[in-house]
């Protein structure tokens, strides 16, 4: 499939593999080049030395033995002359051909001297210089040397006699030496490659060690351990990278600490303000209650103003209570006070106490059919917030269902669903409905709620080890689902 990255491809792209391949290629190129140059120089030197030796020996023998040849020579003279020249080489590998006009004689009767090409014969006939050629035929290499026999006068002039000597020498020993040289170079190349791979692995290990440390440190930072630092060793690029990482981590830790400090101060400020407002708000609520009772006897404008003040005082008091509750969650001061209760009865009391019995269609289990250890006050807050939210922002009727179920077959769960018949929640808003003070419509600045109800609901459910989620029903309307584990082992709850 196009774009797919298999494990083998990922491995081949690893830094270790790339380093080893790069070292291997460089070593192979270096050793091959060195081996080729060494082979060429050694081979040429070896063959040149052998060639010079043969030519020097042949020239000496031809000159020394030419004095014994009569002129004009007969075929027997040429035969004897060729034999004497050939025997000058102790190993007996020389094969000599002597010609004079139409006569020819060899040191090895029957040998055809195919190595002596017409070009060599013509070169020897047209010059008094020694001619040589290396010929490869029938799987072997031979050195062919040709020269003319000359008369040298006392004045130093040289006159060709017409006698020409051709020598063929098989270079078997030289070829054997060259083959041995090739074998040695191949072994040296293989050894060099092996050493290069080992060095590459060693170098890769040295390079990858700080990279692995950097990866572990990065993961540690991502997991929230902002005090993670790397050891800086040396002064190379990896050391610079480690130093930069430490500086970045320190800056991040400082920024996060500052943000956390600001957040803590903001929470403490909200908590302090809420606490300070609580007492005067209680007094204001008492006064507005009295004024509400007297509103009927006041003139209409004054009565409207009194009722408005009373409503706003109630909202402000609710906001202060919610802020104080959120502050307790943030400070970790919120505690569960568990009690084994009948959940259906608790939900029924919550609805009745707030006067929602006629507005909510409740489907509850029978008495004592669904019992569990929960915090009754926090369960009341959860039910009240969800139902109140459905009544305020959703459409009636609001349906509440309580049953036993949940995702775990081995652990009992109470499932509470609150569904309304309104337009539902926009899909782009769903992920944020439990955020504090979140408003789906920025133009809507005032609501009957504090903007903290769903956030407090989520915190209360989380304290019980449960979950809460929001969704839209296929038939329209929003539905909030709470799942609370119903454990009877008190110790298990205390460990949550």
Protein backbone atom coordinates (compact mmCIF):
# COMPACT_ATOMS: atom_id res chain seq x y z
CA UNK A 1 0.00 0.00 0.00
CA UNK A 2 1.32 3.40 -0.93
CA UNK A 3 2.69 5.35 2.01
CA UNK A 4 2.80 2.32 4.34
CA UNK A 5 5.93 1.97 6.43
CA UNK A 6 6.76 -1.55 7.39
CA UNK A 7 8.98 -2.45 10.34
CA UNK A 8 11.86 -3.43 8.02
CA UNK A 9 11.74 -0.05 6.30
CA UNK A 10 11.77 1.74 9.62
CA UNK A 11 14.77 -0.34 10.76
CA UNK A 12 16.67 0.43 7.56
CA UNK A 13 16.14 4.12 8.22
CA UNK A 14 17.58 3.86 11.70
CA UNK A 15 20.63 5.90 12.57
CA UNK A 16 22.64 2.79 13.50
CA UNK A 17 21.97 1.12 10.13
CA UNK A 18 22.77 4.28 8.23
CA UNK A 19 26.05 4.72 10.08
CA UNK A 20 27.06 1.12 9.46
CA UNK A 21 26.12 1.33 5.78
CA UNK A 22 28.01 4.61 5.39
CA UNK A 23 31.10 3.22 7.10
CA UNK A 24 30.85 0.06 5.01
CA UNK A 25 30.56 1.98 1.74
CA UNK A 26 33.47 4.25 2.59
CA UNK A 27 35.59 1.30 3.69
CA UNK A 28 34.65 -0.71 0.59
CA UNK A 29 35.48 2.23 -1.69
CA UNK A 30 38.78 2.90 0.07
CA UNK A 31 39.89 -0.71 0.19
CA UNK A 32 38.82 -1.40 -3.39
CA UNK A 33 40.64 1.66 -4.69
CA UNK A 34 43.73 0.90 -2.65
CA UNK A 35 43.64 -2.74 -3.67
CA UNK A 36 43.27 -1.90 -7.36
CA UNK A 37 46.15 0.58 -7.28
CA UNK A 38 48.31 -1.83 -5.32
CA UNK A 39 47.50 -4.64 -7.71
CA UNK A 40 48.31 -2.57 -10.76
CA UNK A 41 51.64 -1.30 -9.41
CA UNK A 42 52.70 -4.67 -8.05
CA UNK A 43 51.72 -6.54 -11.21
CA UNK A 44 53.45 -4.09 -13.53
CA UNK A 45 56.56 -4.07 -11.38
CA UNK A 46 56.67 -7.84 -11.24
CA UNK A 47 56.19 -8.31 -14.98
CA UNK A 48 58.60 -5.48 -15.81
CA UNK A 49 61.30 -7.02 -13.66
CA UNK A 50 60.80 -10.44 -15.24
CA UNK A 51 60.75 -8.94 -18.71
CA UNK A 52 63.95 -6.94 -18.16
CA UNK A 53 65.71 -10.02 -16.81
CA UNK A 54 64.72 -12.17 -19.80
CA UNK A 55 65.69 -9.51 -22.33
CA UNK A 56 69.01 -8.91 -20.63
CA UNK A 57 69.80 -12.62 -20.52
CA UNK A 58 68.70 -13.18 -24.14
CA UNK A 59 70.70 -10.26 -25.42
CA UNK A 60 73.81 -11.53 -23.63
CA UNK A 61 73.43 -15.09 -24.90
CA UNK A 62 72.71 -14.02 -28.47
CA UNK A 63 75.80 -11.81 -28.57
CA UNK A 64 78.03 -14.38 -26.90
CA UNK A 65 76.99 -17.30 -29.10
CA UNK A 66 76.71 -15.39 -32.40
CA UNK A 67 80.47 -15.58 -32.89
CA UNK A 68 80.20 -19.33 -33.35
CA UNK A 69 77.74 -19.07 -36.23
CA UNK A 70 79.22 -19.11 -39.74
CA UNK A 71 78.06 -16.71 -42.36
CA UNK A 72 76.03 -17.30 -44.34
CA UNK A 73 74.57 -19.80 -41.87
CA UNK A 74 73.19 -23.17 -42.79
CA UNK A 75 70.07 -24.68 -41.25
CA UNK A 76 72.23 -26.91 -39.04
CA UNK A 77 74.08 -23.88 -37.78
CA UNK A 78 70.81 -22.14 -36.99
CA UNK A 79 69.51 -25.29 -35.26
CA UNK A 80 72.59 -25.51 -33.08
CA UNK A 81 72.54 -21.81 -32.39
CA UNK A 82 68.86 -21.93 -31.28
CA UNK A 83 69.58 -24.85 -29.00
CA UNK A 84 72.56 -23.20 -27.39
CA UNK A 85 70.61 -20.00 -26.75
CA UNK A 86 67.68 -21.98 -25.23
CA UNK A 87 69.96 -23.98 -22.95
CA UNK A 88 71.34 -20.77 -21.51
CA UNK A 89 68.24 -20.65 -19.31
CA UNK A 90 68.65 -23.34 -16.60
CA UNK A 91 64.93 -24.07 -16.08
CA UNK A 92 64.48 -24.98 -19.76
CA UNK A 93 61.43 -22.79 -20.32
CA UNK A 94 62.92 -20.86 -23.24
CA UNK A 95 61.75 -21.68 -26.73
CA UNK A 96 63.94 -20.13 -29.39
CA UNK A 97 63.26 -19.60 -33.06
CA UNK A 98 66.11 -18.48 -35.36
CA UNK A 99 65.51 -17.38 -38.94
CA UNK A 100 67.73 -16.31 -41.75
CA UNK A 101 66.13 -15.39 -45.01
CA UNK A 102 64.21 -18.59 -46.01
CA UNK A 103 65.82 -20.77 -43.31
CA UNK A 104 64.47 -21.28 -39.79
CA UNK A 105 65.37 -23.49 -36.86
CA UNK A 106 63.96 -23.92 -33.35
CA UNK A 107 65.13 -25.19 -30.02
CA UNK A 108 61.96 -27.28 -29.76
CA UNK A 109 61.19 -29.14 -32.98
CA UNK A 110 57.51 -29.30 -33.76
CA UNK A 111 56.61 -26.20 -31.76
CA UNK A 112 54.69 -23.77 -34.00
CA UNK A 113 55.61 -20.50 -32.32
CA UNK A 114 52.10 -19.07 -32.77
CA UNK A 115 52.96 -16.41 -30.19
CA UNK A 116 55.38 -14.82 -32.67
CA UNK A 117 52.94 -12.71 -34.60
CA UNK A 118 53.59 -11.23 -38.04
CA UNK A 119 53.72 -7.78 -36.44
CA UNK A 120 56.60 -8.88 -34.21
CA UNK A 121 58.44 -10.44 -37.15
CA UNK A 122 58.00 -7.26 -39.18
CA UNK A 123 59.13 -5.04 -36.29
CA UNK A 124 62.28 -7.10 -35.78
CA UNK A 125 63.03 -7.09 -39.54
CA UNK A 126 62.72 -3.35 -39.84
CA UNK A 127 64.77 -2.37 -36.79
CA UNK A 128 67.81 -3.44 -34.89
CA UNK A 129 66.09 -2.71 -31.59
CA UNK A 130 64.86 -5.45 -29.33
CA UNK A 131 61.11 -5.99 -29.69
CA UNK A 132 58.99 -7.58 -27.01
CA UNK A 133 55.31 -8.33 -26.57
CA UNK A 134 53.18 -10.00 -23.96
CA UNK A 135 50.72 -12.45 -25.55
CA UNK A 136 47.79 -14.25 -23.95
CA UNK A 137 46.60 -17.36 -25.74
CA UNK A 138 45.13 -20.71 -24.76
CA UNK A 139 44.71 -19.59 -21.18
CA UNK A 140 48.29 -18.65 -20.53
CA UNK A 141 50.44 -15.56 -20.88
CA UNK A 142 53.80 -15.64 -22.69
CA UNK A 143 56.52 -13.08 -23.22
CA UNK A 144 57.72 -12.82 -26.82
CA UNK A 145 61.11 -11.18 -27.48
CA UNK A 146 62.66 -10.64 -30.91
CA UNK A 147 65.99 -9.19 -31.96
CA UNK A 148 68.39 -9.16 -34.89
CA UNK A 149 71.95 -10.46 -34.75
CA UNK A 150 74.36 -7.73 -35.81
CA UNK A 151 78.07 -7.39 -36.52
CA UNK A 152 79.75 -4.68 -34.51
CA UNK A 153 82.86 -3.08 -36.00
CA UNK A 154 85.76 -1.62 -34.06
CA UNK A 155 84.44 1.84 -34.86
CA UNK A 156 81.20 1.03 -33.10
CA UNK A 157 78.98 0.63 -36.16
CA UNK A 158 76.49 -2.22 -36.29
CA UNK A 159 75.58 -4.20 -39.40
CA UNK A 160 72.58 -6.55 -39.51
CA UNK A 161 73.49 -10.14 -40.40
CA UNK A 162 69.94 -11.09 -41.40
CA UNK A 163 69.80 -13.61 -38.55
CA UNK A 164 66.80 -12.98 -36.29
CA UNK A 165 66.18 -14.60 -32.96
CA UNK A 166 62.73 -14.96 -31.42
CA UNK A 167 62.13 -16.15 -27.88
CA UNK A 168 58.90 -17.20 -26.19
CA UNK A 169 58.84 -17.61 -22.44
CA UNK A 170 55.67 -18.75 -20.62
CA UNK A 171 55.06 -16.50 -17.60
CA UNK A 172 53.47 -19.17 -15.44
CA UNK A 173 55.37 -18.21 -12.30
CA UNK A 174 54.58 -14.57 -12.80
CA UNK A 175 50.88 -15.37 -13.31
CA UNK A 176 50.92 -17.51 -10.18
CA UNK A 177 52.42 -14.60 -8.24
CA UNK A 178 49.80 -12.23 -9.63
CA UNK A 179 47.00 -14.63 -8.64
CA UNK A 180 48.46 -14.85 -5.14
CA UNK A 181 48.57 -11.06 -5.03
CA UNK A 182 44.88 -10.85 -6.02
CA UNK A 183 43.95 -13.37 -3.32
CA UNK A 184 45.89 -11.40 -0.73
CA UNK A 185 44.18 -8.17 -1.77
CA UNK A 186 40.74 -9.81 -1.60
CA UNK A 187 41.45 -11.10 1.90
CA UNK A 188 42.76 -7.72 2.98
CA UNK A 189 39.65 -6.04 1.56
CA UNK A 190 37.35 -8.44 3.41
CA UNK A 191 39.27 -7.89 6.65
CA UNK A 192 39.15 -4.15 6.19
CA UNK A 193 35.39 -4.29 5.64
CA UNK A 194 34.95 -6.36 8.78
CA UNK A 195 37.02 -3.91 10.80
CA UNK A 196 35.05 -1.03 9.27
CA UNK A 197 31.74 -2.60 10.31
CA UNK A 198 33.03 -3.11 13.86
CA UNK A 199 34.23 0.49 13.99
CA UNK A 200 30.87 1.62 12.61
CA UNK A 201 29.01 -0.30 15.29
CA UNK A 202 31.29 1.15 17.95
CA UNK A 203 30.83 4.66 16.56
CA UNK A 204 27.07 4.17 16.27
CA UNK A 205 26.93 3.04 19.86
CA UNK A 206 28.78 6.15 20.94
CA UNK A 207 26.48 8.38 18.88
CA UNK A 208 23.25 6.62 19.82
CA UNK A 209 23.89 6.57 23.56
CA UNK A 210 23.21 10.30 24.00
CA UNK A 211 20.38 10.08 21.47
CA UNK A 212 18.71 7.36 23.56
CA UNK A 213 19.27 9.42 26.68
CA UNK A 214 17.66 12.38 24.94
CA UNK A 215 14.69 10.25 23.93
CA UNK A 216 14.21 9.00 27.51
CA UNK A 217 14.52 12.53 28.84
CA UNK A 218 11.98 13.81 26.33
CA UNK A 219 9.51 11.13 27.35
CA UNK A 220 10.12 11.96 30.98
CA UNK A 221 9.37 15.62 30.28
CA UNK A 222 6.23 14.62 28.38
CA UNK A 223 5.13 12.58 31.42
CA UNK A 224 5.38 15.65 33.60
CA UNK A 225 8.80 15.19 35.24
CA UNK A 226 10.02 18.63 34.34
CA UNK A 227 13.13 18.40 36.50
CA UNK A 228 14.64 15.85 34.08
CA UNK A 229 18.09 16.84 32.88
CA UNK A 230 20.82 15.29 30.72
CA UNK A 231 24.48 14.80 31.60
CA UNK A 232 26.62 17.01 29.37
CA UNK A 233 29.87 15.25 28.44
CA UNK A 234 32.44 16.71 26.07
CA UNK A 235 32.09 19.66 23.77
CA UNK A 236 30.83 18.17 20.52
CA UNK A 237 27.49 18.68 18.78
CA UNK A 238 25.77 16.08 20.96
CA UNK A 239 26.99 17.89 24.05
CA UNK A 240 25.59 21.12 22.63
CA UNK A 241 22.29 19.33 21.99
CA UNK A 242 22.18 18.05 25.58
CA UNK A 243 23.02 21.52 26.87
CA UNK A 244 20.25 23.03 24.74
CA UNK A 245 17.81 20.40 25.98
CA UNK A 246 18.68 21.21 29.60
CA UNK A 247 18.19 24.92 28.97
CA UNK A 248 14.85 24.27 27.27
CA UNK A 249 13.72 21.96 30.06
CA UNK A 250 14.75 24.52 32.68
CA UNK A 251 12.86 27.28 30.87
CA UNK A 252 9.82 25.03 30.53
CA UNK A 253 9.96 24.09 34.19
CA UNK A 254 10.21 27.72 35.16
CA UNK A 255 7.29 28.70 32.93
CA UNK A 256 5.14 25.85 34.19
CA UNK A 257 6.01 26.72 37.78
CA UNK A 258 5.03 30.32 37.15
CA UNK A 259 1.78 29.26 35.50
CA UNK A 260 1.00 26.89 38.35
CA UNK A 261 1.78 29.62 40.83
CA UNK A 262 -0.48 32.03 39.02
CA UNK A 263 -3.18 29.39 38.83
CA UNK A 264 -2.83 28.63 42.53
CA UNK A 265 -2.97 32.30 43.40
CA UNK A 266 -6.03 32.74 41.18
CA UNK A 267 -7.74 29.79 42.83
CA UNK A 268 -6.83 31.02 46.28
CA UNK A 269 -8.10 34.47 45.38
CA UNK A 270 -11.41 33.03 44.11
CA UNK A 271 -11.68 30.91 47.24
CA UNK A 272 -10.90 33.84 49.54
CA UNK A 273 -13.30 36.14 47.74
CA UNK A 274 -16.02 33.50 47.81
CA UNK A 275 -15.45 32.91 51.48
CA UNK A 276 -15.53 36.62 52.26
CA UNK A 277 -18.70 37.09 50.21
CA UNK A 278 -20.48 34.22 51.85
CA UNK A 279 -21.33 36.01 55.11
CA UNK A 280 -22.62 39.28 53.62
CA UNK A 281 -24.52 37.30 51.01
CA UNK A 282 -26.24 35.32 53.76
CA UNK A 283 -27.34 38.57 55.33
CA UNK A 284 -28.45 39.94 51.97
CA UNK A 285 -30.41 36.75 51.29
CA UNK A 286 -32.19 37.10 54.63
CA UNK A 287 -33.07 40.69 53.83
CA UNK A 288 -34.27 39.89 50.31
CA UNK A 289 -36.42 37.06 51.71
CA UNK A 290 -38.13 39.54 53.98
CA UNK A 291 -38.51 42.02 51.14
CA UNK A 292 -39.97 39.29 48.91
CA UNK A 293 -42.64 38.64 51.52
CA UNK A 294 -43.47 42.37 51.64
CA UNK A 295 -43.30 42.88 47.85
CA UNK A 296 -47.01 42.30 47.43
CA UNK A 297 -47.72 45.37 49.57
CA UNK A 298 -45.28 47.62 47.78
CA UNK A 299 -45.99 49.76 44.73
CA UNK A 300 -45.38 47.89 41.42
CA UNK A 301 -42.09 49.53 40.52
CA UNK A 302 -40.64 48.99 43.95
CA UNK A 303 -41.90 45.40 44.01
CA UNK A 304 -40.25 44.68 40.63
CA UNK A 305 -36.98 46.12 41.87
CA UNK A 306 -37.17 44.09 45.07
CA UNK A 307 -37.82 40.85 43.18
CA UNK A 308 -34.93 41.60 40.77
CA UNK A 309 -32.57 42.18 43.67
CA UNK A 310 -33.77 38.98 45.30
CA UNK A 311 -33.18 36.90 42.13
CA UNK A 312 -29.73 38.35 41.57
CA UNK A 313 -28.84 37.75 45.19
CA UNK A 314 -29.84 34.09 44.82
CA UNK A 315 -27.72 33.74 41.68
CA UNK A 316 -24.77 35.41 43.34
CA UNK A 317 -25.11 33.15 46.37
CA UNK A 318 -25.22 30.09 44.11
CA UNK A 319 -22.14 31.27 42.22
CA UNK A 320 -20.25 31.78 45.48
CA UNK A 321 -21.22 28.31 46.68
CA UNK A 322 -20.09 26.77 43.36
CA UNK A 323 -16.81 28.68 43.45
CA UNK A 324 -16.12 27.45 46.94
CA UNK A 325 -16.93 23.91 45.88
CA UNK A 326 -14.60 24.12 42.88
CA UNK A 327 -11.90 25.59 45.12
CA UNK A 328 -12.17 22.59 47.42
CA UNK A 329 -11.72 20.25 44.42
CA UNK A 330 -8.69 22.19 43.18
CA UNK A 331 -7.13 22.23 46.64
CA UNK A 332 -7.72 18.49 47.08
CA UNK A 333 -9.81 19.29 50.15
CA UNK A 334 -12.98 17.65 48.86
CA UNK A 335 -13.81 14.43 50.72
CA UNK A 336 -16.23 11.62 50.21
CA UNK A 337 -18.57 10.69 53.02
CA UNK A 338 -19.80 7.33 51.90
CA UNK A 339 -22.92 5.68 53.04
CA UNK A 340 -24.84 2.72 51.71
CA UNK A 341 -28.10 4.10 50.46
CA UNK A 342 -31.00 3.31 48.19
CA UNK A 343 -30.01 5.28 45.06
CA UNK A 344 -33.55 5.42 43.69
CA UNK A 345 -34.88 6.91 46.90
CA UNK A 346 -32.05 9.46 46.95
CA UNK A 347 -32.82 10.54 43.36
CA UNK A 348 -36.52 10.70 44.13
CA UNK A 349 -35.87 13.03 47.11
CA UNK A 350 -33.65 15.28 44.97
CA UNK A 351 -36.40 15.76 42.39
CA UNK A 352 -39.10 16.26 44.97
CA UNK A 353 -37.12 18.73 47.09
CA UNK A 354 -36.62 21.02 44.10
CA UNK A 355 -40.21 20.83 42.90
CA UNK A 356 -39.37 19.00 39.66
CA UNK A 357 -41.71 16.06 40.12
CA UNK A 358 -44.11 17.34 37.47
CA UNK A 359 -41.34 18.36 35.03
CA UNK A 360 -39.30 15.16 35.09
CA UNK A 361 -40.35 11.70 33.91
CA UNK A 362 -38.37 9.45 36.24
CA UNK A 363 -37.94 5.74 35.69
CA UNK A 364 -36.44 4.43 38.90
CA UNK A 365 -35.90 0.93 40.31
CA UNK A 366 -38.08 -0.32 43.11
CA UNK A 367 -37.23 0.17 46.78
CA UNK A 368 -33.84 -1.35 47.73
CA UNK A 369 -33.32 -2.81 44.24
CA UNK A 370 -30.28 -0.61 43.62
CA UNK A 371 -28.17 0.07 46.68
CA UNK A 372 -24.56 1.12 46.93
CA UNK A 373 -22.01 3.07 48.89
CA UNK A 374 -22.00 6.67 47.62
CA UNK A 375 -21.83 10.14 49.08
CA UNK A 376 -25.52 11.16 49.34
CA UNK A 377 -24.78 14.89 49.22
CA UNK A 378 -22.60 14.62 46.12
CA UNK A 379 -25.11 12.32 44.41
CA UNK A 380 -27.76 14.96 45.13
CA UNK A 381 -25.51 17.61 43.52
CA UNK A 382 -24.94 15.43 40.45
CA UNK A 383 -28.65 14.74 39.92
CA UNK A 384 -29.67 18.34 40.61
CA UNK A 385 -27.09 19.81 38.25
CA UNK A 386 -27.95 17.45 35.37
CA UNK A 387 -31.70 17.80 35.74
CA UNK A 388 -31.50 21.56 36.31
CA UNK A 389 -29.28 21.93 33.26
CA UNK A 390 -31.75 19.91 31.15
CA UNK A 391 -34.68 22.01 32.33
CA UNK A 392 -32.88 25.31 31.72
CA UNK A 393 -31.18 24.62 28.36
CA UNK A 394 -33.05 21.61 26.93
CA UNK A 395 -36.67 21.07 26.05
CA UNK A 396 -39.29 19.33 28.11
CA UNK A 397 -40.12 16.63 28.86
CA UNK A 398 -36.98 15.69 30.71
CA UNK A 399 -36.55 11.98 31.29
CA UNK A 400 -34.44 10.52 34.08
CA UNK A 401 -33.57 6.84 34.09
CA UNK A 402 -31.70 4.98 36.80
CA UNK A 403 -30.70 1.36 36.31
CA UNK A 404 -27.94 -1.13 36.99
CA UNK A 405 -25.46 -1.83 34.19
CA UNK A 406 -22.27 -0.33 32.91
CA UNK A 407 -19.25 -1.52 30.99
CA UNK A 408 -17.84 -3.96 33.54
CA UNK A 409 -19.49 -7.34 34.02
CA UNK A 410 -17.59 -8.03 37.25
CA UNK A 411 -18.38 -4.73 38.94
CA UNK A 412 -21.86 -3.39 39.57
CA UNK A 413 -22.55 0.05 38.20
CA UNK A 414 -25.42 2.45 38.61
CA UNK A 415 -26.27 4.11 35.30
CA UNK A 416 -28.05 7.45 35.51
CA UNK A 417 -29.32 9.04 32.29
CA UNK A 418 -30.85 12.50 32.03
CA UNK A 419 -32.29 13.26 28.59
CA UNK A 420 -34.12 16.34 27.38
CA UNK A 421 -36.23 17.03 24.29
CA UNK A 422 -34.44 20.15 23.15
CA UNK A 423 -32.37 20.80 20.03
CA UNK A 424 -29.38 18.99 21.43
CA UNK A 425 -25.79 20.16 21.81
CA UNK A 426 -23.75 21.22 18.76
CA UNK A 427 -21.14 18.64 17.91
CA UNK A 428 -18.30 21.16 18.21
CA UNK A 429 -19.47 22.04 21.71
CA UNK A 430 -19.75 18.52 23.10
CA UNK A 431 -16.04 18.17 24.03
CA UNK A 432 -16.24 21.33 26.16
CA UNK A 433 -19.56 21.07 27.99
CA UNK A 434 -17.81 20.09 31.24
CA UNK A 435 -15.34 23.00 31.07
CA UNK A 436 -15.70 25.73 33.65
CA UNK A 437 -17.67 28.80 32.55
CA UNK A 438 -17.90 27.42 29.02
CA UNK A 439 -20.58 29.06 26.90
CA UNK A 440 -21.48 27.63 23.51
CA UNK A 441 -22.88 31.00 22.47
CA UNK A 442 -20.46 33.83 23.19
CA UNK A 443 -23.27 36.32 22.79
CA UNK A 444 -25.10 34.75 25.73
CA UNK A 445 -23.55 36.44 28.74
CA UNK A 446 -26.08 35.67 31.46
CA UNK A 447 -27.66 32.36 32.42
CA UNK A 448 -29.59 31.15 35.39
CA UNK A 449 -26.73 28.86 36.28
CA UNK A 450 -23.25 29.73 37.52
CA UNK A 451 -21.40 28.08 34.60
CA UNK A 452 -19.82 25.63 37.02
CA UNK A 453 -22.61 23.08 37.45
CA UNK A 454 -21.40 20.52 34.90
CA UNK A 455 -17.77 20.95 36.01
CA UNK A 456 -18.81 20.26 39.63
CA UNK A 457 -20.82 17.26 38.41
CA UNK A 458 -17.80 15.82 36.63
CA UNK A 459 -15.60 16.30 39.72
CA UNK A 460 -18.14 14.60 41.98
CA UNK A 461 -18.52 11.64 39.61
CA UNK A 462 -14.75 11.36 39.28
CA UNK A 463 -14.38 11.26 43.07
CA UNK A 464 -16.66 8.21 43.06
CA UNK A 465 -14.50 6.53 40.41
CA UNK A 466 -17.23 6.91 37.82
CA UNK A 467 -17.61 8.60 34.46
CA UNK A 468 -19.96 11.13 32.95
CA UNK A 469 -20.43 11.90 29.28
CA UNK A 470 -22.66 14.01 27.09
CA UNK A 471 -24.14 13.09 23.74
CA UNK A 472 -27.03 13.77 21.42
CA UNK A 473 -29.85 11.31 21.07
CA UNK A 474 -30.67 10.02 17.58
CA UNK A 475 -34.20 11.33 17.94
CA UNK A 476 -33.13 14.76 19.14
CA UNK A 477 -32.19 16.25 22.47
CA UNK A 478 -29.15 15.87 24.67
CA UNK A 479 -28.48 13.04 27.07
CA UNK A 480 -26.01 12.96 29.96
CA UNK A 481 -24.98 9.54 31.21
CA UNK A 482 -23.37 8.89 34.59
CA UNK A 483 -21.87 5.54 35.53
CA UNK A 484 -21.06 5.03 39.20
CA UNK A 485 -19.39 1.86 40.48
CA UNK A 486 -21.32 0.28 43.32
CA UNK A 487 -18.72 -1.27 45.61
CA UNK A 488 -19.59 -2.63 48.97
CA UNK A 489 -16.01 -2.98 50.18
CA UNK A 490 -15.33 0.19 52.08
CA UNK A 491 -11.56 -0.22 51.90
CA UNK A 492 -11.73 -0.22 48.13
CA UNK A 493 -13.43 3.16 48.14
CA UNK A 494 -10.89 4.61 50.49
CA UNK A 495 -8.13 3.65 48.05
CA UNK A 496 -9.68 5.56 45.16
